[in-house]
PDB file of N, CA and C in Angstrom:
ATOM      1  N   MET A   1      18.946   6.768  -8.651  1.00  0.00           N
ATOM      2  CA  MET A   1      17.663   6.126  -8.861  1.00  0.00           C
ATOM      3  C   MET A   1      17.735   4.661  -8.463  1.00  0.00           C
ATOM      4  N   ALA A   2      18.680   3.912  -8.966  1.00  0.00           N
ATOM      5  CA  ALA A   2      18.744   2.478  -8.676  1.00  0.00           C
ATOM      6  C   ALA A   2      19.495   2.233  -7.374  1.00  0.00           C
ATOM      7  N   LYS A   3      18.975   1.306  -6.601  1.00  0.00           N
ATOM      8  CA  LYS A   3      19.614   0.941  -5.344  1.00  0.00           C
ATOM      9  C   LYS A   3      19.606  -0.572  -5.224  1.00  0.00           C
ATOM     10  N   PRO A   4      20.782  -1.216  -5.311  1.00  0.00           N
ATOM     11  CA  PRO A   4      20.814  -2.676  -5.216  1.00  0.00           C
ATOM     12  C   PRO A   4      20.748  -3.178  -3.780  1.00  0.00           C
ATOM     13  N   ARG A   5      20.069  -4.318  -3.608  1.00  0.00           N
ATOM     14  CA  ARG A   5      20.006  -4.994  -2.320  1.00  0.00           C
ATOM     15  C   ARG A   5      20.359  -6.462  -2.526  1.00  0.00           C
ATOM     16  N   VAL A   6      21.072  -7.022  -1.569  1.00  0.00           N
ATOM     17  CA  VAL A   6      21.527  -8.407  -1.669  1.00  0.00           C
ATOM     18  C   VAL A   6      21.281  -9.112  -0.340  1.00  0.00           C
ATOM     19  N   LYS A   7      20.751 -10.330  -0.435  1.00  0.00           N
ATOM     20  CA  LYS A   7      20.584 -11.160   0.758  1.00  0.00           C
ATOM     21  C   LYS A   7      21.248 -12.502   0.475  1.00  0.00           C
ATOM     22  N   ALA A   8      22.293 -12.783   1.243  1.00  0.00           N
ATOM     23  CA  ALA A   8      23.029 -14.045   1.134  1.00  0.00           C
ATOM     24  C   ALA A   8      23.631 -14.329   2.510  1.00  0.00           C
ATOM     25  N   PRO A   9      23.890 -15.588   2.815  1.00  0.00           N
ATOM     26  CA  PRO A   9      24.454 -15.893   4.131  1.00  0.00           C
ATOM     27  C   PRO A   9      25.878 -15.364   4.279  1.00  0.00           C
ATOM     28  N   ASP A  10      26.243 -15.010   5.507  1.00  0.00           N
ATOM     29  CA  ASP A  10      27.611 -14.572   5.789  1.00  0.00           C
ATOM     30  C   ASP A  10      28.568 -15.761   5.828  1.00  0.00           C
ATOM     31  N   LYS A  11      28.043 -16.900   6.348  1.00  0.00           N
ATOM     32  CA  LYS A  11      28.861 -18.109   6.487  1.00  0.00           C
ATOM     33  C   LYS A  11      28.114 -19.311   5.938  1.00  0.00           C
ATOM     34  N   VAL A  12      28.861 -20.200   5.274  1.00  0.00           N
ATOM     35  CA  VAL A  12      28.313 -21.460   4.768  1.00  0.00           C
ATOM     36  C   VAL A  12      29.338 -22.563   5.015  1.00  0.00           C
ATOM     37  N   LYS A  13      28.885 -23.803   4.904  1.00  0.00           N
ATOM     38  CA  LYS A  13      29.800 -24.937   4.990  1.00  0.00           C
ATOM     39  C   LYS A  13      30.332 -25.225   3.595  1.00  0.00           C
ATOM     40  N   ALA A  14      31.520 -25.761   3.509  1.00  0.00           N
ATOM     41  CA  ALA A  14      32.133 -26.077   2.222  1.00  0.00           C
ATOM     42  C   ALA A  14      31.219 -26.994   1.415  1.00  0.00           C
ATOM     43  N   GLY A  15      30.918 -26.621   0.184  1.00  0.00           N
ATOM     44  CA  GLY A  15      30.087 -27.420  -0.701  1.00  0.00           C
ATOM     45  C   GLY A  15      28.595 -27.280  -0.479  1.00  0.00           C
ATOM     46  N   GLU A  16      28.184 -26.519   0.533  1.00  0.00           N
ATOM     47  CA  GLU A  16      26.765 -26.328   0.826  1.00  0.00           C
ATOM     48  C   GLU A  16      26.114 -25.434  -0.236  1.00  0.00           C
ATOM     49  N   ILE A  17      24.952 -25.835  -0.691  1.00  0.00           N
ATOM     50  CA  ILE A  17      24.200 -25.023  -1.652  1.00  0.00           C
ATOM     51  C   ILE A  17      23.398 -23.989  -0.865  1.00  0.00           C
ATOM     52  N   PHE A  18      23.508 -22.718  -1.298  1.00  0.00           N
ATOM     53  CA  PHE A  18      22.791 -21.653  -0.604  1.00  0.00           C
ATOM     54  C   PHE A  18      22.156 -20.706  -1.624  1.00  0.00           C
ATOM     55  N   GLU A  19      21.177 -19.940  -1.150  1.00  0.00           N
ATOM     56  CA  GLU A  19      20.435 -19.040  -2.028  1.00  0.00           C
ATOM     57  C   GLU A  19      20.938 -17.602  -1.889  1.00  0.00           C
ATOM     58  N   VAL A  20      20.996 -16.926  -3.032  1.00  0.00           N
ATOM     59  CA  VAL A  20      21.316 -15.503  -3.080  1.00  0.00           C
ATOM     60  C   VAL A  20      20.092 -14.804  -3.670  1.00  0.00           C
ATOM     61  N   LYS A  21      19.621 -13.755  -2.999  1.00  0.00           N
ATOM     62  CA  LYS A  21      18.467 -12.994  -3.470  1.00  0.00           C
ATOM     63  C   LYS A  21      18.911 -11.557  -3.720  1.00  0.00           C
ATOM     64  N   THR A  22      18.467 -10.992  -4.836  1.00  0.00           N
ATOM     65  CA  THR A  22      18.838  -9.616  -5.161  1.00  0.00           C
ATOM     66  C   THR A  22      17.627  -8.854  -5.666  1.00  0.00           C
ATOM     67  N   LEU A  23      17.649  -7.567  -5.410  1.00  0.00           N
ATOM     68  CA  LEU A  23      16.608  -6.680  -5.898  1.00  0.00           C
ATOM     69  C   LEU A  23      17.255  -5.331  -6.154  1.00  0.00           C
ATOM     70  N   ILE A  24      16.876  -4.695  -7.248  1.00  0.00           N
ATOM     71  CA  ILE A  24      17.368  -3.351  -7.512  1.00  0.00           C
ATOM     72  C   ILE A  24      16.168  -2.453  -7.805  1.00  0.00           C
ATOM     73  N   SER A  25      16.131  -1.310  -7.142  1.00  0.00           N
ATOM     74  CA  SER A  25      15.052  -0.342  -7.364  1.00  0.00           C
ATOM     75  C   SER A  25      15.347   0.406  -8.658  1.00  0.00           C
ATOM     76  N   HIS A  26      14.489   0.217  -9.649  1.00  0.00           N
ATOM     77  CA  HIS A  26      14.684   0.837 -10.964  1.00  0.00           C
ATOM     78  C   HIS A  26      13.336   0.893 -11.673  1.00  0.00           C
ATOM     79  N   LYS A  27      13.008   2.026 -12.295  1.00  0.00           N
ATOM     80  CA  LYS A  27      11.698   2.202 -12.934  1.00  0.00           C
ATOM     81  C   LYS A  27      11.481   1.320 -14.156  1.00  0.00           C
ATOM     82  N   MET A  28      12.544   0.977 -14.867  1.00  0.00           N
ATOM     83  CA  MET A  28      12.447   0.126 -16.056  1.00  0.00           C
ATOM     84  C   MET A  28      11.477   0.712 -17.096  1.00  0.00           C
ATOM     85  N   GLU A  29      11.810   1.862 -17.614  1.00  0.00           N
ATOM     86  CA  GLU A  29      10.975   2.507 -18.639  1.00  0.00           C
ATOM     87  C   GLU A  29      10.996   1.685 -19.923  1.00  0.00           C
ATOM     88  N   THR A  30       9.828   1.358 -20.436  1.00  0.00           N
ATOM     89  CA  THR A  30       9.713   0.504 -21.621  1.00  0.00           C
ATOM     90  C   THR A  30       9.816   1.274 -22.936  1.00  0.00           C
ATOM     91  N   GLY A  31       9.675   2.590 -22.873  1.00  0.00           N
ATOM     92  CA  GLY A  31       9.657   3.388 -24.091  1.00  0.00           C
ATOM     93  C   GLY A  31       8.262   3.512 -24.678  1.00  0.00           C
ATOM     94  N   LEU A  32       7.267   3.001 -23.973  1.00  0.00           N
ATOM     95  CA  LEU A  32       5.881   3.037 -24.457  1.00  0.00           C
ATOM     96  C   LEU A  32       5.024   4.059 -23.704  1.00  0.00           C
ATOM     97  N   ARG A  33       5.486   4.494 -22.537  1.00  0.00           N
ATOM     98  CA  ARG A  33       4.700   5.458 -21.763  1.00  0.00           C
ATOM     99  C   ARG A  33       4.931   6.880 -22.262  1.00  0.00           C
ATOM    100  N   LYS A  34       3.936   7.729 -22.032  1.00  0.00           N
ATOM    101  CA  LYS A  34       4.051   9.139 -22.393  1.00  0.00           C
ATOM    102  C   LYS A  34       4.053   9.984 -21.125  1.00  0.00           C
ATOM    103  N   ASP A  35       4.802  11.069 -21.165  1.00  0.00           N
ATOM    104  CA  ASP A  35       4.829  12.018 -20.065  1.00  0.00           C
ATOM    105  C   ASP A  35       3.458  12.681 -19.990  1.00  0.00           C
ATOM    106  N   SER A  36       2.836  12.670 -18.816  1.00  0.00           N
ATOM    107  CA  SER A  36       1.467  13.202 -18.684  1.00  0.00           C
ATOM    108  C   SER A  36       1.397  14.717 -18.906  1.00  0.00           C
ATOM    109  N   LYS A  37       2.478  15.421 -18.689  1.00  0.00           N
ATOM    110  CA  LYS A  37       2.471  16.876 -18.858  1.00  0.00           C
ATOM    111  C   LYS A  37       2.787  17.301 -20.295  1.00  0.00           C
ATOM    112  N   THR A  38       3.748  16.631 -20.923  1.00  0.00           N
ATOM    113  CA  THR A  38       4.178  17.057 -22.266  1.00  0.00           C
ATOM    114  C   THR A  38       3.587  16.209 -23.381  1.00  0.00           C
ATOM    115  N   GLY A  39       3.168  14.985 -23.054  1.00  0.00           N
ATOM    116  CA  GLY A  39       2.658  14.077 -24.073  1.00  0.00           C
ATOM    117  C   GLY A  39       3.754  13.379 -24.858  1.00  0.00           C
ATOM    118  N   GLU A  40       5.008  13.689 -24.553  1.00  0.00           N
ATOM    119  CA  GLU A  40       6.137  13.064 -25.253  1.00  0.00           C
ATOM    120  C   GLU A  40       6.411  11.676 -24.685  1.00  0.00           C
ATOM    121  N   THR A  41       6.887  10.798 -25.557  1.00  0.00           N
ATOM    122  CA  THR A  41       7.234   9.444 -25.144  1.00  0.00           C
ATOM    123  C   THR A  41       8.465   9.481 -24.235  1.00  0.00           C
ATOM    124  N   ILE A  42       8.382   8.752 -23.128  1.00  0.00           N
ATOM    125  CA  ILE A  42       9.526   8.634 -22.218  1.00  0.00           C
ATOM    126  C   ILE A  42      10.461   7.585 -22.817  1.00  0.00           C
ATOM    127  N   PRO A  43      11.736   7.928 -23.036  1.00  0.00           N
ATOM    128  CA  PRO A  43      12.660   6.986 -23.678  1.00  0.00           C
ATOM    129  C   PRO A  43      12.823   5.681 -22.903  1.00  0.00           C
ATOM    130  N   ARG A  44      13.012   4.599 -23.650  1.00  0.00           N
ATOM    131  CA  ARG A  44      13.237   3.292 -23.044  1.00  0.00           C
ATOM    132  C   ARG A  44      14.526   3.334 -22.224  1.00  0.00           C
ATOM    133  N   ASN A  45      14.482   2.741 -21.040  1.00  0.00           N
ATOM    134  CA  ASN A  45      15.646   2.681 -20.168  1.00  0.00           C
ATOM    135  C   ASN A  45      15.443   1.526 -19.191  1.00  0.00           C
ATOM    136  N   ILE A  46      16.020   0.377 -19.517  1.00  0.00           N
ATOM    137  CA  ILE A  46      15.867  -0.806 -18.665  1.00  0.00           C
ATOM    138  C   ILE A  46      17.231  -1.350 -18.244  1.00  0.00           C
ATOM    139  N   ILE A  47      17.224  -2.125 -17.188  1.00  0.00           N
ATOM    140  CA  ILE A  47      18.421  -2.877 -16.825  1.00  0.00           C
ATOM    141  C   ILE A  47      18.432  -4.085 -17.749  1.00  0.00           C
ATOM    142  N   ASP A  48      19.431  -4.137 -18.616  1.00  0.00           N
ATOM    143  CA  ASP A  48      19.438  -5.200 -19.622  1.00  0.00           C
ATOM    144  C   ASP A  48      20.318  -6.389 -19.275  1.00  0.00           C
ATOM    145  N   SER A  49      21.132  -6.269 -18.209  1.00  0.00           N
ATOM    146  CA  SER A  49      21.912  -7.443 -17.813  1.00  0.00           C
ATOM    147  C   SER A  49      22.245  -7.416 -16.326  1.00  0.00           C
ATOM    148  N   PHE A  50      22.411  -8.604 -15.809  1.00  0.00           N
ATOM    149  CA  PHE A  50      22.795  -8.807 -14.410  1.00  0.00           C
ATOM    150  C   PHE A  50      23.785  -9.965 -14.393  1.00  0.00           C
ATOM    151  N   VAL A  51      24.912  -9.778 -13.709  1.00  0.00           N
ATOM    152  CA  VAL A  51      25.939 -10.815 -13.629  1.00  0.00           C
ATOM    153  C   VAL A  51      26.379 -10.963 -12.173  1.00  0.00           C
ATOM    154  N   ALA A  52      26.508 -12.211 -11.742  1.00  0.00           N
ATOM    155  CA  ALA A  52      27.028 -12.518 -10.409  1.00  0.00           C
ATOM    156  C   ALA A  52      28.324 -13.298 -10.576  1.00  0.00           C
ATOM    157  N   LYS A  53      29.361 -12.843  -9.875  1.00  0.00           N
ATOM    158  CA  LYS A  53      30.658 -13.529  -9.904  1.00  0.00           C
ATOM    159  C   LYS A  53      31.089 -13.820  -8.480  1.00  0.00           C
ATOM    160  N   PHE A  54      31.691 -14.995  -8.302  1.00  0.00           N
ATOM    161  CA  PHE A  54      32.245 -15.357  -7.006  1.00  0.00           C
ATOM    162  C   PHE A  54      33.731 -15.587  -7.197  1.00  0.00           C
ATOM    163  N   ASN A  55      34.537 -14.806  -6.492  1.00  0.00           N
ATOM    164  CA  ASN A  55      35.995 -14.845  -6.669  1.00  0.00           C
ATOM    165  C   ASN A  55      36.389 -14.695  -8.138  1.00  0.00           C
ATOM    166  N   GLY A  56      35.661 -13.855  -8.863  1.00  0.00           N
ATOM    167  CA  GLY A  56      35.983 -13.556 -10.258  1.00  0.00           C
ATOM    168  C   GLY A  56      35.381 -14.503 -11.280  1.00  0.00           C
ATOM    169  N   ALA A  57      34.813 -15.624 -10.848  1.00  0.00           N
ATOM    170  CA  ALA A  57      34.214 -16.590 -11.773  1.00  0.00           C
ATOM    171  C   ALA A  57      32.702 -16.374 -11.831  1.00  0.00           C
ATOM    172  N   GLN A  58      32.155 -16.288 -13.031  1.00  0.00           N
ATOM    173  CA  GLN A  58      30.716 -16.075 -13.189  1.00  0.00           C
ATOM    174  C   GLN A  58      29.936 -17.280 -12.676  1.00  0.00           C
ATOM    175  N   VAL A  59      28.933 -17.001 -11.823  1.00  0.00           N
ATOM    176  CA  VAL A  59      28.092 -18.069 -11.285  1.00  0.00           C
ATOM    177  C   VAL A  59      26.638 -17.931 -11.727  1.00  0.00           C
ATOM    178  N   PHE A  60      26.256 -16.758 -12.241  1.00  0.00           N
ATOM    179  CA  PHE A  60      24.880 -16.527 -12.682  1.00  0.00           C
ATOM    180  C   PHE A  60      24.856 -15.296 -13.574  1.00  0.00           C
ATOM    181  N   ALA A  61      24.011 -15.327 -14.620  1.00  0.00           N
ATOM    182  CA  ALA A  61      23.873 -14.162 -15.506  1.00  0.00           C
ATOM    183  C   ALA A  61      22.475 -14.130 -16.110  1.00  0.00           C
ATOM    184  N   VAL A  62      21.995 -12.921 -16.369  1.00  0.00           N
ATOM    185  CA  VAL A  62      20.670 -12.714 -16.958  1.00  0.00           C
ATOM    186  C   VAL A  62      20.769 -11.629 -18.024  1.00  0.00           C
ATOM    187  N   GLN A  63      20.107 -11.853 -19.150  1.00  0.00           N
ATOM    188  CA  GLN A  63      19.893 -10.813 -20.161  1.00  0.00           C
ATOM    189  C   GLN A  63      18.401 -10.519 -20.125  1.00  0.00           C
ATOM    190  N   SER A  64      18.022  -9.287 -19.803  1.00  0.00           N
ATOM    191  CA  SER A  64      16.604  -8.965 -19.700  1.00  0.00           C
ATOM    192  C   SER A  64      16.141  -8.132 -20.888  1.00  0.00           C
ATOM    193  N   HIS A  65      14.819  -8.082 -21.062  1.00  0.00           N
ATOM    194  CA  HIS A  65      14.204  -7.378 -22.186  1.00  0.00           C
ATOM    195  C   HIS A  65      13.079  -6.493 -21.665  1.00  0.00           C
ATOM    196  N   ALA A  66      12.427  -5.799 -22.548  1.00  0.00           N
ATOM    197  CA  ALA A  66      11.430  -4.794 -22.164  1.00  0.00           C
ATOM    198  C   ALA A  66      10.291  -5.339 -21.311  1.00  0.00           C
ATOM    199  N   ALA A  67      10.007  -6.600 -21.358  1.00  0.00           N
ATOM    200  CA  ALA A  67       8.873  -7.154 -20.617  1.00  0.00           C
ATOM    201  C   ALA A  67       9.166  -7.362 -19.128  1.00  0.00           C
ATOM    202  N   ILE A  68      10.387  -7.155 -18.694  1.00  0.00           N
ATOM    203  CA  ILE A  68      10.715  -7.344 -17.277  1.00  0.00           C
ATOM    204  C   ILE A  68      10.100  -6.208 -16.447  1.00  0.00           C
ATOM    205  N   SER A  69       9.681  -6.532 -15.247  1.00  0.00           N
ATOM    206  CA  SER A  69       8.986  -5.548 -14.407  1.00  0.00           C
ATOM    207  C   SER A  69       9.960  -4.553 -13.776  1.00  0.00           C
ATOM    208  N   ALA A  70       9.389  -3.498 -13.246  1.00  0.00           N
ATOM    209  CA  ALA A  70      10.182  -2.526 -12.494  1.00  0.00           C
ATOM    210  C   ALA A  70      10.743  -3.214 -11.259  1.00  0.00           C
ATOM    211  N   ASN A  71      11.838  -2.698 -10.740  1.00  0.00           N
ATOM    212  CA  ASN A  71      12.484  -3.229  -9.541  1.00  0.00           C
ATOM    213  C   ASN A  71      12.776  -4.724  -9.679  1.00  0.00           C
ATOM    214  N   PRO A  72      13.587  -5.098 -10.671  1.00  0.00           N
ATOM    215  CA  PRO A  72      13.811  -6.527 -10.920  1.00  0.00           C
ATOM    216  C   PRO A  72      14.435  -7.260  -9.734  1.00  0.00           C
ATOM    217  N   TYR A  73      13.873  -8.444  -9.494  1.00  0.00           N
ATOM    218  CA  TYR A  73      14.290  -9.334  -8.415  1.00  0.00           C
ATOM    219  C   TYR A  73      14.848 -10.598  -9.048  1.00  0.00           C
ATOM    220  N   PHE A  74      16.042 -10.987  -8.628  1.00  0.00           N
ATOM    221  CA  PHE A  74      16.641 -12.229  -9.103  1.00  0.00           C
ATOM    222  C   PHE A  74      17.046 -13.050  -7.892  1.00  0.00           C
ATOM    223  N   ALA A  75      16.848 -14.360  -7.976  1.00  0.00           N
ATOM    224  CA  ALA A  75      17.291 -15.278  -6.932  1.00  0.00           C
ATOM    225  C   ALA A  75      17.932 -16.473  -7.619  1.00  0.00           C
ATOM    226  N   PHE A  76      19.008 -16.957  -7.041  1.00  0.00           N
ATOM    227  CA  PHE A  76      19.699 -18.111  -7.613  1.00  0.00           C
ATOM    228  C   PHE A  76      20.407 -18.865  -6.500  1.00  0.00           C
ATOM    229  N   TYR A  77      20.774 -20.108  -6.797  1.00  0.00           N
ATOM    230  CA  TYR A  77      21.484 -20.954  -5.845  1.00  0.00           C
ATOM    231  C   TYR A  77      22.915 -21.130  -6.318  1.00  0.00           C
ATOM    232  N   MET A  78      23.815 -21.249  -5.375  1.00  0.00           N
ATOM    233  CA  MET A  78      25.214 -21.496  -5.696  1.00  0.00           C
ATOM    234  C   MET A  78      25.862 -22.239  -4.537  1.00  0.00           C
ATOM    235  N   LYS A  79      27.092 -22.667  -4.729  1.00  0.00           N
ATOM    236  CA  LYS A  79      27.847 -23.257  -3.632  1.00  0.00           C
ATOM    237  C   LYS A  79      29.275 -22.745  -3.711  1.00  0.00           C
ATOM    238  N   ALA A  80      29.943 -22.788  -2.573  1.00  0.00           N
ATOM    239  CA  ALA A  80      31.325 -22.322  -2.501  1.00  0.00           C
ATOM    240  C   ALA A  80      32.145 -23.332  -1.715  1.00  0.00           C
ATOM    241  N   ASN A  81      33.364 -23.547  -2.172  1.00  0.00           N
ATOM    242  CA  ASN A  81      34.266 -24.459  -1.478  1.00  0.00           C
ATOM    243  C   ASN A  81      35.333 -23.716  -0.680  1.00  0.00           C
ATOM    244  N   LYS A  82      35.460 -22.414  -0.954  1.00  0.00           N
ATOM    245  CA  LYS A  82      36.388 -21.591  -0.185  1.00  0.00           C
ATOM    246  C   LYS A  82      35.801 -20.197  -0.026  1.00  0.00           C
ATOM    247  N   SER A  83      36.247 -19.495   0.980  1.00  0.00           N
ATOM    248  CA  SER A  83      35.750 -18.150   1.256  1.00  0.00           C
ATOM    249  C   SER A  83      36.068 -17.213   0.099  1.00  0.00           C
ATOM    250  N   GLY A  84      35.233 -16.187  -0.059  1.00  0.00           N
ATOM    251  CA  GLY A  84      35.499 -15.237  -1.126  1.00  0.00           C
ATOM    252  C   GLY A  84      34.472 -14.134  -1.194  1.00  0.00           C
ATOM    253  N   GLU A  85      34.555 -13.402  -2.294  1.00  0.00           N
ATOM    254  CA  GLU A  85      33.689 -12.250  -2.486  1.00  0.00           C
ATOM    255  C   GLU A  85      32.709 -12.492  -3.626  1.00  0.00           C
ATOM    256  N   LEU A  86      31.452 -12.259  -3.321  1.00  0.00           N
ATOM    257  CA  LEU A  86      30.391 -12.336  -4.326  1.00  0.00           C
ATOM    258  C   LEU A  86      30.200 -10.915  -4.854  1.00  0.00           C
ATOM    259  N   GLU A  87      30.383 -10.735  -6.154  1.00  0.00           N
ATOM    260  CA  GLU A  87      30.214  -9.416  -6.766  1.00  0.00           C
ATOM    261  C   GLU A  87      29.049  -9.460  -7.740  1.00  0.00           C
ATOM    262  N   LEU A  88      28.089  -8.570  -7.546  1.00  0.00           N
ATOM    263  CA  LEU A  88      26.888  -8.518  -8.370  1.00  0.00           C
ATOM    264  C   LEU A  88      26.890  -7.207  -9.145  1.00  0.00           C
ATOM    265  N   THR A  89      26.599  -7.289 -10.450  1.00  0.00           N
ATOM    266  CA  THR A  89      26.618  -6.093 -11.289  1.00  0.00           C
ATOM    267  C   THR A  89      25.365  -6.038 -12.149  1.00  0.00           C
ATOM    268  N   TRP A  90      24.680  -4.898 -12.089  1.00  0.00           N
ATOM    269  CA  TRP A  90      23.506  -4.618 -12.918  1.00  0.00           C
ATOM    270  C   TRP A  90      23.926  -3.577 -13.946  1.00  0.00           C
ATOM    271  N   ARG A  91      23.516  -3.740 -15.214  1.00  0.00           N
ATOM    272  CA  ARG A  91      23.863  -2.775 -16.257  1.00  0.00           C
ATOM    273  C   ARG A  91      22.603  -2.295 -16.949  1.00  0.00           C
ATOM    274  N   GLU A  92      22.509  -0.985 -17.071  1.00  0.00           N
ATOM    275  CA  GLU A  92      21.391  -0.335 -17.743  1.00  0.00           C
ATOM    276  C   GLU A  92      21.744  -0.165 -19.220  1.00  0.00           C
ATOM    277  N   GLU A  93      20.745  -0.065 -20.074  1.00  0.00           N
ATOM    278  CA  GLU A  93      20.976   0.122 -21.509  1.00  0.00           C
ATOM    279  C   GLU A  93      21.837   1.342 -21.824  1.00  0.00           C
ATOM    280  N   THR A  94      21.802   2.333 -20.964  1.00  0.00           N
ATOM    281  CA  THR A  94      22.594   3.545 -21.180  1.00  0.00           C
ATOM    282  C   THR A  94      24.077   3.305 -20.936  1.00  0.00           C
ATOM    283  N   GLY A  95      24.412   2.141 -20.355  1.00  0.00           N
ATOM    284  CA  GLY A  95      25.803   1.824 -20.023  1.00  0.00           C
ATOM    285  C   GLY A  95      26.116   2.034 -18.554  1.00  0.00           C
ATOM    286  N   LYS A  96      25.214   2.669 -17.827  1.00  0.00           N
ATOM    287  CA  LYS A  96      25.421   2.890 -16.399  1.00  0.00           C
ATOM    288  C   LYS A  96      25.351   1.557 -15.661  1.00  0.00           C
ATOM    289  N   THR A  97      26.213   1.389 -14.665  1.00  0.00           N
ATOM    290  CA  THR A  97      26.230   0.138 -13.891  1.00  0.00           C
ATOM    291  C   THR A  97      26.141   0.421 -12.402  1.00  0.00           C
ATOM    292  N   TRP A  98      25.640  -0.579 -11.690  1.00  0.00           N
ATOM    293  CA  TRP A  98      25.612  -0.576 -10.236  1.00  0.00           C
ATOM    294  C   TRP A  98      26.174  -1.902  -9.786  1.00  0.00           C
ATOM    295  N   SER A  99      26.878  -1.897  -8.677  1.00  0.00           N
ATOM    296  CA  SER A  99      27.367  -3.164  -8.155  1.00  0.00           C
ATOM    297  C   SER A  99      27.243  -3.222  -6.651  1.00  0.00           C
ATOM    298  N   ALA A 100      27.242  -4.440  -6.175  1.00  0.00           N
ATOM    299  CA  ALA A 100      27.203  -4.712  -4.751  1.00  0.00           C
ATOM    300  C   ALA A 100      28.121  -5.897  -4.491  1.00  0.00           C
ATOM    301  N   LYS A 101      28.740  -5.906  -3.331  1.00  0.00           N
ATOM    302  CA  LYS A 101      29.646  -6.994  -2.971  1.00  0.00           C
ATOM    303  C   LYS A 101      29.231  -7.567  -1.619  1.00  0.00           C
ATOM    304  N   LYS A 102      29.495  -8.855  -1.477  1.00  0.00           N
ATOM    305  CA  LYS A 102      29.163  -9.554  -0.235  1.00  0.00           C
ATOM    306  C   LYS A 102      30.265 -10.587   0.008  1.00  0.00           C
ATOM    307  N   THR A 103      30.876 -10.544   1.165  1.00  0.00           N
ATOM    308  CA  THR A 103      31.892 -11.525   1.537  1.00  0.00           C
ATOM    309  C   THR A 103      31.202 -12.738   2.139  1.00  0.00           C
ATOM    310  N   ILE A 104      31.579 -13.913   1.650  1.00  0.00           N
ATOM    311  CA  ILE A 104      31.017 -15.156   2.153  1.00  0.00           C
ATOM    312  C   ILE A 104      32.157 -16.007   2.707  1.00  0.00           C
ATOM    313  N   THR A 105      32.013 -16.388   3.958  1.00  0.00           N
ATOM    314  CA  THR A 105      33.035 -17.183   4.633  1.00  0.00           C
ATOM    315  C   THR A 105      32.627 -18.652   4.602  1.00  0.00           C
ATOM    316  N   VAL A 106      33.547 -19.487   4.144  1.00  0.00           N
ATOM    317  CA  VAL A 106      33.302 -20.943   4.109  1.00  0.00           C
ATOM    318  C   VAL A 106      34.016 -21.558   5.304  1.00  0.00           C
ATOM    319  N   GLU A 107      33.261 -22.316   6.085  1.00  0.00           N
ATOM    320  CA  GLU A 107      33.811 -22.956   7.285  1.00  0.00           C
ATOM    321  C   GLU A 107      34.168 -24.396   7.021  1.00  0.00           C
TER     322      GLU A 107
END
């Protein structure tokens, strides 16, 4: 169901501030909707956290709640002084996780 997407530059200059944009396709069930066929409440199921790490160090984190929209989009700025790997992780309330990685080269 969920599919993460990441947009960040492949190369940056040392110390340059750059933007990272992310989006994950996810319905984000609030627990308030009812199934149109059965009338039963659809259980709550949202992405409750998002963490970005660069070379293992956390650079951005979000704790989300029921009011967040479907297909959550996050954008943040960061800088790097050496090349490395940006690892992004989304976690659903059920404990299921998705991750994406992006290598960033510092020139």
